[in-house]
Amino acid sequence: MIMTTKGKVYSFYSFVIVLLILALMLFNLNIYAKAVICFFIIACLLVMRSVQKAWMLPPDFNPYKLQSMSTTAIEKLEEKGEEMESGTHSDNIDAYLSLVIRADMELSEDPCVDKESSTYNRLLNARISEYLHASK
């Protein structure tokens, strides 16, 4: 039987956890040694959980439906990627950044506005929305 990498990781950490639990039960350890062993058990469990949550899926697998994607769906995703690289996305980002810079410069000139206050971000977003509504 060929084990996958995920299976090998699980079997290794399961073996380590069993050995640590046996060490806790068989040996007369002081409280510090028991604390260190318990820490290693928890660390092994967290590593096993992170492997379960962050395992890479193949590119033709839809994680939301837990099904393989058809080749036409993959081709559509690749076409969308090419459209995004064509420049429309970067133009929108450039326009937004210029609005942010413009609003930030205007707000920094106002002596009543404190850049360190918690409401500065809301003022900045309100000014940007004014620019967007004025341009329509």
N, C-alpha and C. Protein backbone atom coordinates (compact mmCIF):
# COMPACT_ATOMS: atom_id res chain seq x y z
N MET A 1 0.83 -1.18 0.00
CA MET A 1 0.00 0.00 0.00
C MET A 1 0.88 1.25 0.00
N ILE A 2 0.62 2.16 -0.91
CA ILE A 2 1.37 3.40 -1.00
C ILE A 2 0.67 4.45 -0.15
N MET A 3 1.43 5.04 0.79
CA MET A 3 0.86 6.07 1.65
C MET A 3 1.12 7.44 1.03
N THR A 4 0.13 8.31 1.14
CA THR A 4 0.32 9.68 0.69
C THR A 4 1.15 10.43 1.72
N THR A 5 1.58 11.60 1.34
CA THR A 5 2.35 12.43 2.27
C THR A 5 1.53 12.79 3.49
N LYS A 6 0.26 13.07 3.26
CA LYS A 6 -0.63 13.40 4.37
C LYS A 6 -0.75 12.22 5.33
N GLY A 7 -0.87 11.03 4.80
CA GLY A 7 -0.95 9.84 5.64
C GLY A 7 0.33 9.60 6.42
N LYS A 8 1.47 9.88 5.78
CA LYS A 8 2.75 9.72 6.46
C LYS A 8 2.87 10.71 7.62
N VAL A 9 2.42 11.93 7.39
CA VAL A 9 2.48 12.95 8.45
C VAL A 9 1.59 12.55 9.61
N TYR A 10 0.38 12.10 9.31
CA TYR A 10 -0.53 11.68 10.38
C TYR A 10 0.02 10.49 11.15
N SER A 11 0.57 9.52 10.44
CA SER A 11 1.09 8.35 11.14
C SER A 11 2.30 8.71 12.00
N PHE A 12 3.16 9.59 11.52
CA PHE A 12 4.32 10.01 12.31
C PHE A 12 3.89 10.71 13.59
N TYR A 13 3.02 11.71 13.47
CA TYR A 13 2.61 12.45 14.65
C TYR A 13 1.75 11.61 15.59
N SER A 14 0.97 10.69 15.06
CA SER A 14 0.21 9.78 15.92
C SER A 14 1.16 8.90 16.73
N PHE A 15 2.20 8.41 16.07
CA PHE A 15 3.20 7.59 16.76
C PHE A 15 3.91 8.39 17.85
N VAL A 16 4.25 9.64 17.56
CA VAL A 16 4.91 10.49 18.54
C VAL A 16 3.99 10.74 19.73
N ILE A 17 2.71 10.99 19.48
CA ILE A 17 1.76 11.23 20.56
C ILE A 17 1.62 9.99 21.43
N VAL A 18 1.54 8.80 20.82
CA VAL A 18 1.44 7.57 21.60
C VAL A 18 2.68 7.38 22.48
N LEU A 19 3.85 7.63 21.92
CA LEU A 19 5.08 7.52 22.73
C LEU A 19 5.10 8.51 23.88
N LEU A 20 4.64 9.73 23.65
CA LEU A 20 4.63 10.72 24.72
C LEU A 20 3.63 10.35 25.81
N ILE A 21 2.49 9.82 25.43
CA ILE A 21 1.51 9.40 26.43
C ILE A 21 2.05 8.22 27.23
N LEU A 22 2.72 7.29 26.56
CA LEU A 22 3.34 6.17 27.29
C LEU A 22 4.41 6.67 28.26
N ALA A 23 5.17 7.67 27.85
CA ALA A 23 6.19 8.22 28.74
C ALA A 23 5.54 8.87 29.96
N LEU A 24 4.41 9.51 29.77
CA LEU A 24 3.70 10.11 30.90
C LEU A 24 3.22 9.04 31.88
N MET A 25 2.75 7.92 31.35
CA MET A 25 2.17 6.89 32.21
C MET A 25 3.24 6.00 32.85
N LEU A 26 4.32 5.69 32.15
CA LEU A 26 5.28 4.71 32.64
C LEU A 26 6.36 5.28 33.55
N PHE A 27 6.75 6.51 33.31
CA PHE A 27 7.86 7.06 34.06
C PHE A 27 7.37 7.99 35.16
N ASN A 28 8.12 7.99 36.26
CA ASN A 28 7.81 8.86 37.38
C ASN A 28 8.53 10.19 37.15
N LEU A 29 7.84 11.14 36.49
CA LEU A 29 8.45 12.41 36.09
C LEU A 29 8.02 13.54 37.02
N ASN A 30 8.87 14.54 37.10
CA ASN A 30 8.48 15.70 37.90
C ASN A 30 7.50 16.56 37.09
N ILE A 31 6.97 17.60 37.71
CA ILE A 31 5.92 18.40 37.09
C ILE A 31 6.41 19.14 35.84
N TYR A 32 7.67 19.55 35.83
CA TYR A 32 8.21 20.27 34.67
C TYR A 32 8.34 19.35 33.46
N ALA A 33 8.77 18.15 33.68
CA ALA A 33 8.89 17.20 32.57
C ALA A 33 7.51 16.85 32.02
N LYS A 34 6.52 16.70 32.92
CA LYS A 34 5.16 16.43 32.46
C LYS A 34 4.61 17.60 31.66
N ALA A 35 4.92 18.82 32.09
CA ALA A 35 4.46 20.00 31.36
C ALA A 35 5.08 20.06 29.97
N VAL A 36 6.35 19.72 29.86
CA VAL A 36 7.01 19.72 28.55
C VAL A 36 6.42 18.65 27.64
N ILE A 37 6.15 17.49 28.19
CA ILE A 37 5.56 16.41 27.38
C ILE A 37 4.15 16.79 26.93
N CYS A 38 3.37 17.40 27.82
CA CYS A 38 2.03 17.85 27.43
C CYS A 38 2.11 18.93 26.36
N PHE A 39 3.10 19.81 26.45
CA PHE A 39 3.29 20.81 25.41
C PHE A 39 3.58 20.15 24.06
N PHE A 40 4.43 19.12 24.06
CA PHE A 40 4.73 18.43 22.81
C PHE A 40 3.50 17.73 22.25
N ILE A 41 2.67 17.17 23.12
CA ILE A 41 1.44 16.52 22.64
C ILE A 41 0.52 17.55 21.98
N ILE A 42 0.35 18.70 22.63
CA ILE A 42 -0.50 19.74 22.07
C ILE A 42 0.09 20.27 20.76
N ALA A 43 1.40 20.42 20.72
CA ALA A 43 2.04 20.89 19.48
C ALA A 43 1.84 19.90 18.35
N CYS A 44 1.93 18.61 18.64
CA CYS A 44 1.69 17.59 17.61
C CYS A 44 0.26 17.65 17.11
N LEU A 45 -0.68 17.82 18.02
CA LEU A 45 -2.09 17.92 17.62
C LEU A 45 -2.33 19.15 16.76
N LEU A 46 -1.70 20.26 17.11
CA LEU A 46 -1.86 21.47 16.31
C LEU A 46 -1.25 21.33 14.92
N VAL A 47 -0.11 20.65 14.84
CA VAL A 47 0.50 20.42 13.52
C VAL A 47 -0.40 19.53 12.68
N MET A 48 -0.96 18.49 13.30
CA MET A 48 -1.85 17.60 12.55
C MET A 48 -3.10 18.35 12.07
N ARG A 49 -3.61 19.25 12.92
CA ARG A 49 -4.79 20.03 12.53
C ARG A 49 -4.45 20.99 11.40
N SER A 50 -3.28 21.63 11.46
CA SER A 50 -2.92 22.57 10.41
C SER A 50 -2.68 21.84 9.08
N VAL A 51 -2.16 20.63 9.14
CA VAL A 51 -1.99 19.85 7.91
C VAL A 51 -3.36 19.52 7.32
N GLN A 52 -4.31 19.23 8.17
CA GLN A 52 -5.66 18.91 7.69
C GLN A 52 -6.31 20.12 7.05
N LYS A 53 -6.13 21.31 7.64
CA LYS A 53 -6.79 22.51 7.14
C LYS A 53 -6.08 23.13 5.94
N ALA A 54 -4.77 23.00 5.87
CA ALA A 54 -4.02 23.73 4.86
C ALA A 54 -3.43 22.83 3.79
N TRP A 55 -4.01 21.70 3.54
CA TRP A 55 -3.45 20.80 2.54
C TRP A 55 -3.77 21.32 1.16
N MET A 56 -2.81 21.31 0.29
CA MET A 56 -2.99 21.83 -1.06
C MET A 56 -3.91 20.91 -1.87
N LEU A 57 -4.86 21.54 -2.56
CA LEU A 57 -5.76 20.79 -3.41
C LEU A 57 -5.26 20.86 -4.85
N PRO A 58 -5.57 19.86 -5.66
CA PRO A 58 -5.17 19.93 -7.06
C PRO A 58 -5.88 21.09 -7.75
N PRO A 59 -5.32 21.62 -8.83
CA PRO A 59 -5.92 22.79 -9.46
C PRO A 59 -7.27 22.52 -10.11
N ASP A 60 -7.61 21.27 -10.34
CA ASP A 60 -8.90 20.98 -10.96
C ASP A 60 -9.94 20.56 -9.93
N PHE A 61 -9.79 21.00 -8.69
CA PHE A 61 -10.69 20.60 -7.62
C PHE A 61 -11.37 21.84 -7.06
N ASN A 62 -12.70 21.82 -7.00
CA ASN A 62 -13.47 22.94 -6.46
C ASN A 62 -13.70 22.69 -4.97
N PRO A 63 -13.10 23.47 -4.07
CA PRO A 63 -13.24 23.20 -2.64
C PRO A 63 -14.62 23.52 -2.09
N TYR A 64 -15.41 24.30 -2.80
CA TYR A 64 -16.74 24.66 -2.31
C TYR A 64 -17.75 23.56 -2.55
N LYS A 65 -17.62 22.88 -3.69
CA LYS A 65 -18.55 21.79 -4.01
C LYS A 65 -17.94 20.42 -3.74
N LEU A 66 -16.64 20.39 -3.43
CA LEU A 66 -15.91 19.14 -3.20
C LEU A 66 -16.04 18.19 -4.38
N GLN A 67 -15.92 18.76 -5.58
CA GLN A 67 -15.98 17.99 -6.80
C GLN A 67 -14.88 18.45 -7.74
N SER A 68 -14.56 17.57 -8.67
CA SER A 68 -13.59 17.97 -9.69
C SER A 68 -14.25 18.93 -10.66
N MET A 69 -13.46 19.88 -11.16
CA MET A 69 -13.99 20.83 -12.13
C MET A 69 -13.78 20.28 -13.53
N SER A 70 -14.66 20.65 -14.42
CA SER A 70 -14.52 20.22 -15.80
C SER A 70 -13.42 21.03 -16.47
N THR A 71 -12.96 20.56 -17.60
CA THR A 71 -11.89 21.27 -18.30
C THR A 71 -12.37 22.60 -18.84
N THR A 72 -13.66 22.71 -19.18
CA THR A 72 -14.16 24.00 -19.68
C THR A 72 -14.15 25.04 -18.56
N ALA A 73 -14.44 24.62 -17.34
CA ALA A 73 -14.41 25.57 -16.21
C ALA A 73 -12.99 26.04 -15.97
N ILE A 74 -12.03 25.14 -16.11
CA ILE A 74 -10.63 25.53 -15.93
C ILE A 74 -10.21 26.51 -17.02
N GLU A 75 -10.66 26.27 -18.25
CA GLU A 75 -10.34 27.18 -19.34
C GLU A 75 -10.96 28.55 -19.11
N LYS A 76 -12.20 28.59 -18.57
CA LYS A 76 -12.83 29.87 -18.28
C LYS A 76 -12.06 30.64 -17.22
N LEU A 77 -11.57 29.94 -16.20
CA LEU A 77 -10.78 30.60 -15.17
C LEU A 77 -9.48 31.16 -15.74
N GLU A 78 -8.87 30.42 -16.66
CA GLU A 78 -7.64 30.90 -17.28
C GLU A 78 -7.91 32.13 -18.15
N GLU A 79 -9.08 32.15 -18.85
CA GLU A 79 -9.43 33.32 -19.66
C GLU A 79 -9.65 34.53 -18.77
N LYS A 80 -10.30 34.33 -17.62
CA LYS A 80 -10.50 35.45 -16.69
C LYS A 80 -9.16 35.99 -16.22
N GLY A 81 -8.21 35.09 -15.96
CA GLY A 81 -6.89 35.52 -15.54
C GLY A 81 -6.21 36.37 -16.60
N GLU A 82 -6.39 35.98 -17.88
CA GLU A 82 -5.81 36.76 -18.96
C GLU A 82 -6.47 38.12 -19.07
N GLU A 83 -7.81 38.19 -18.84
CA GLU A 83 -8.49 39.47 -18.88
C GLU A 83 -8.01 40.38 -17.77
N MET A 84 -7.76 39.81 -16.60
CA MET A 84 -7.30 40.61 -15.48
C MET A 84 -5.92 41.17 -15.75
N GLU A 85 -5.09 40.42 -16.44
CA GLU A 85 -3.74 40.87 -16.73
C GLU A 85 -3.70 41.89 -17.86
N SER A 86 -4.82 42.09 -18.58
CA SER A 86 -4.81 42.97 -19.73
C SER A 86 -4.73 44.44 -19.36
N GLY A 87 -4.99 44.81 -18.09
CA GLY A 87 -4.78 46.19 -17.71
C GLY A 87 -5.99 46.86 -17.08
N THR A 88 -7.18 46.31 -17.21
CA THR A 88 -8.34 46.97 -16.62
C THR A 88 -8.26 46.98 -15.11
N HIS A 89 -7.74 45.93 -14.55
CA HIS A 89 -7.63 45.85 -13.09
C HIS A 89 -6.62 46.86 -12.57
N SER A 90 -5.48 46.97 -13.22
CA SER A 90 -4.45 47.90 -12.76
C SER A 90 -4.89 49.35 -12.96
N ASP A 91 -5.70 49.61 -14.01
CA ASP A 91 -6.20 50.97 -14.21
C ASP A 91 -7.13 51.37 -13.07
N ASN A 92 -7.97 50.45 -12.61
CA ASN A 92 -8.86 50.75 -11.49
C ASN A 92 -8.06 51.01 -10.22
N ILE A 93 -7.02 50.24 -10.01
CA ILE A 93 -6.19 50.43 -8.83
C ILE A 93 -5.49 51.79 -8.89
N ASP A 94 -4.98 52.15 -10.07
CA ASP A 94 -4.32 53.44 -10.21
C ASP A 94 -5.28 54.59 -9.96
N ALA A 95 -6.52 54.46 -10.46
CA ALA A 95 -7.52 55.52 -10.23
C ALA A 95 -7.85 55.63 -8.75
N TYR A 96 -8.00 54.49 -8.09
CA TYR A 96 -8.31 54.52 -6.66
C TYR A 96 -7.15 55.11 -5.87
N LEU A 97 -5.93 54.73 -6.19
CA LEU A 97 -4.78 55.28 -5.47
C LEU A 97 -4.65 56.78 -5.68
N SER A 98 -4.93 57.26 -6.87
CA SER A 98 -4.87 58.71 -7.09
C SER A 98 -5.95 59.42 -6.28
N LEU A 99 -7.14 58.80 -6.15
CA LEU A 99 -8.18 59.39 -5.30
C LEU A 99 -7.77 59.40 -3.83
N VAL A 100 -7.12 58.34 -3.38
CA VAL A 100 -6.67 58.27 -2.00
C VAL A 100 -5.62 59.35 -1.73
N ILE A 101 -4.69 59.50 -2.65
CA ILE A 101 -3.64 60.51 -2.47
C ILE A 101 -4.24 61.90 -2.47
N ARG A 102 -5.16 62.16 -3.39
CA ARG A 102 -5.80 63.48 -3.47
C ARG A 102 -6.57 63.79 -2.19
N ALA A 103 -7.36 62.81 -1.71
CA ALA A 103 -8.14 63.04 -0.49
C ALA A 103 -7.23 63.19 0.72
N ASP A 104 -6.16 62.43 0.76
CA ASP A 104 -5.23 62.52 1.89
C ASP A 104 -4.53 63.87 1.92
N MET A 105 -4.16 64.37 0.75
CA MET A 105 -3.52 65.69 0.71
C MET A 105 -4.47 66.78 1.17
N GLU A 106 -5.74 66.70 0.74
CA GLU A 106 -6.71 67.71 1.15
C GLU A 106 -6.98 67.63 2.65
N LEU A 107 -7.07 66.43 3.18
CA LEU A 107 -7.34 66.30 4.61
C LEU A 107 -6.12 66.69 5.45
N SER A 108 -4.92 66.50 4.92
CA SER A 108 -3.72 66.88 5.68
C SER A 108 -3.56 68.39 5.74
N GLU A 109 -4.11 69.10 4.76
CA GLU A 109 -4.04 70.56 4.77
C GLU A 109 -5.03 71.17 5.76
N ASP A 110 -6.08 70.43 6.12
CA ASP A 110 -7.08 70.92 7.06
C ASP A 110 -6.53 70.81 8.49
N PRO A 111 -6.42 71.94 9.22
CA PRO A 111 -5.85 71.87 10.57
C PRO A 111 -6.79 71.22 11.59
N CYS A 112 -8.05 71.12 11.28
CA CYS A 112 -9.02 70.53 12.22
C CYS A 112 -8.98 69.00 12.22
N VAL A 113 -8.37 68.40 11.21
CA VAL A 113 -8.36 66.95 11.07
C VAL A 113 -7.08 66.39 11.68
N ASP A 114 -7.25 65.43 12.57
CA ASP A 114 -6.10 64.77 13.20
C ASP A 114 -5.87 63.44 12.50
N LYS A 115 -4.69 63.28 11.90
CA LYS A 115 -4.40 62.04 11.17
C LYS A 115 -4.30 60.83 12.09
N GLU A 116 -4.04 61.05 13.36
CA GLU A 116 -3.90 59.94 14.31
C GLU A 116 -5.23 59.52 14.92
N SER A 117 -6.31 60.24 14.64
CA SER A 117 -7.59 59.88 15.25
C SER A 117 -8.18 58.65 14.58
N SER A 118 -9.12 58.03 15.28
CA SER A 118 -9.74 56.82 14.74
C SER A 118 -10.75 57.12 13.64
N THR A 119 -11.17 58.38 13.53
CA THR A 119 -12.16 58.74 12.51
C THR A 119 -11.52 59.18 11.21
N TYR A 120 -10.20 59.23 11.15
CA TYR A 120 -9.52 59.71 9.95
C TYR A 120 -9.82 58.81 8.75
N ASN A 121 -9.83 57.50 8.97
CA ASN A 121 -10.10 56.57 7.87
C ASN A 121 -11.52 56.79 7.33
N ARG A 122 -12.47 57.03 8.23
CA ARG A 122 -13.85 57.28 7.77
C ARG A 122 -13.93 58.59 6.99
N LEU A 123 -13.22 59.61 7.45
CA LEU A 123 -13.20 60.88 6.71
C LEU A 123 -12.58 60.70 5.32
N LEU A 124 -11.52 59.93 5.27
CA LEU A 124 -10.85 59.67 3.99
C LEU A 124 -11.78 58.93 3.03
N ASN A 125 -12.47 57.90 3.53
CA ASN A 125 -13.40 57.15 2.69
C ASN A 125 -14.58 58.01 2.26
N ALA A 126 -15.06 58.90 3.14
CA ALA A 126 -16.16 59.79 2.77
C ALA A 126 -15.73 60.75 1.67
N ARG A 127 -14.50 61.25 1.77
CA ARG A 127 -13.99 62.17 0.74
C ARG A 127 -13.84 61.45 -0.59
N ILE A 128 -13.37 60.23 -0.57
CA ILE A 128 -13.23 59.45 -1.80
C ILE A 128 -14.60 59.18 -2.42
N SER A 129 -15.59 58.85 -1.59
CA SER A 129 -16.93 58.61 -2.14
C SER A 129 -17.51 59.89 -2.72
N GLU A 130 -17.20 61.06 -2.14
CA GLU A 130 -17.65 62.32 -2.73
C GLU A 130 -17.06 62.50 -4.12
N TYR A 131 -15.76 62.19 -4.28
CA TYR A 131 -15.13 62.30 -5.59
C TYR A 131 -15.77 61.36 -6.59
N LEU A 132 -16.07 60.13 -6.14
CA LEU A 132 -16.67 59.16 -7.06
C LEU A 132 -18.07 59.58 -7.48
N HIS A 133 -18.85 60.11 -6.54
CA HIS A 133 -20.21 60.56 -6.88
C HIS A 133 -20.18 61.82 -7.75
N ALA A 134 -19.19 62.66 -7.54
CA ALA A 134 -19.08 63.87 -8.35
C ALA A 134 -18.65 63.55 -9.77
N SER A 135 -17.92 62.47 -9.96
CA SER A 135 -17.45 62.14 -11.31
C SER A 135 -18.51 61.45 -12.15
N LYS A 136 -19.59 60.98 -11.54
CA LYS A 136 -20.64 60.29 -12.32
C LYS A 136 -21.51 61.24 -13.07
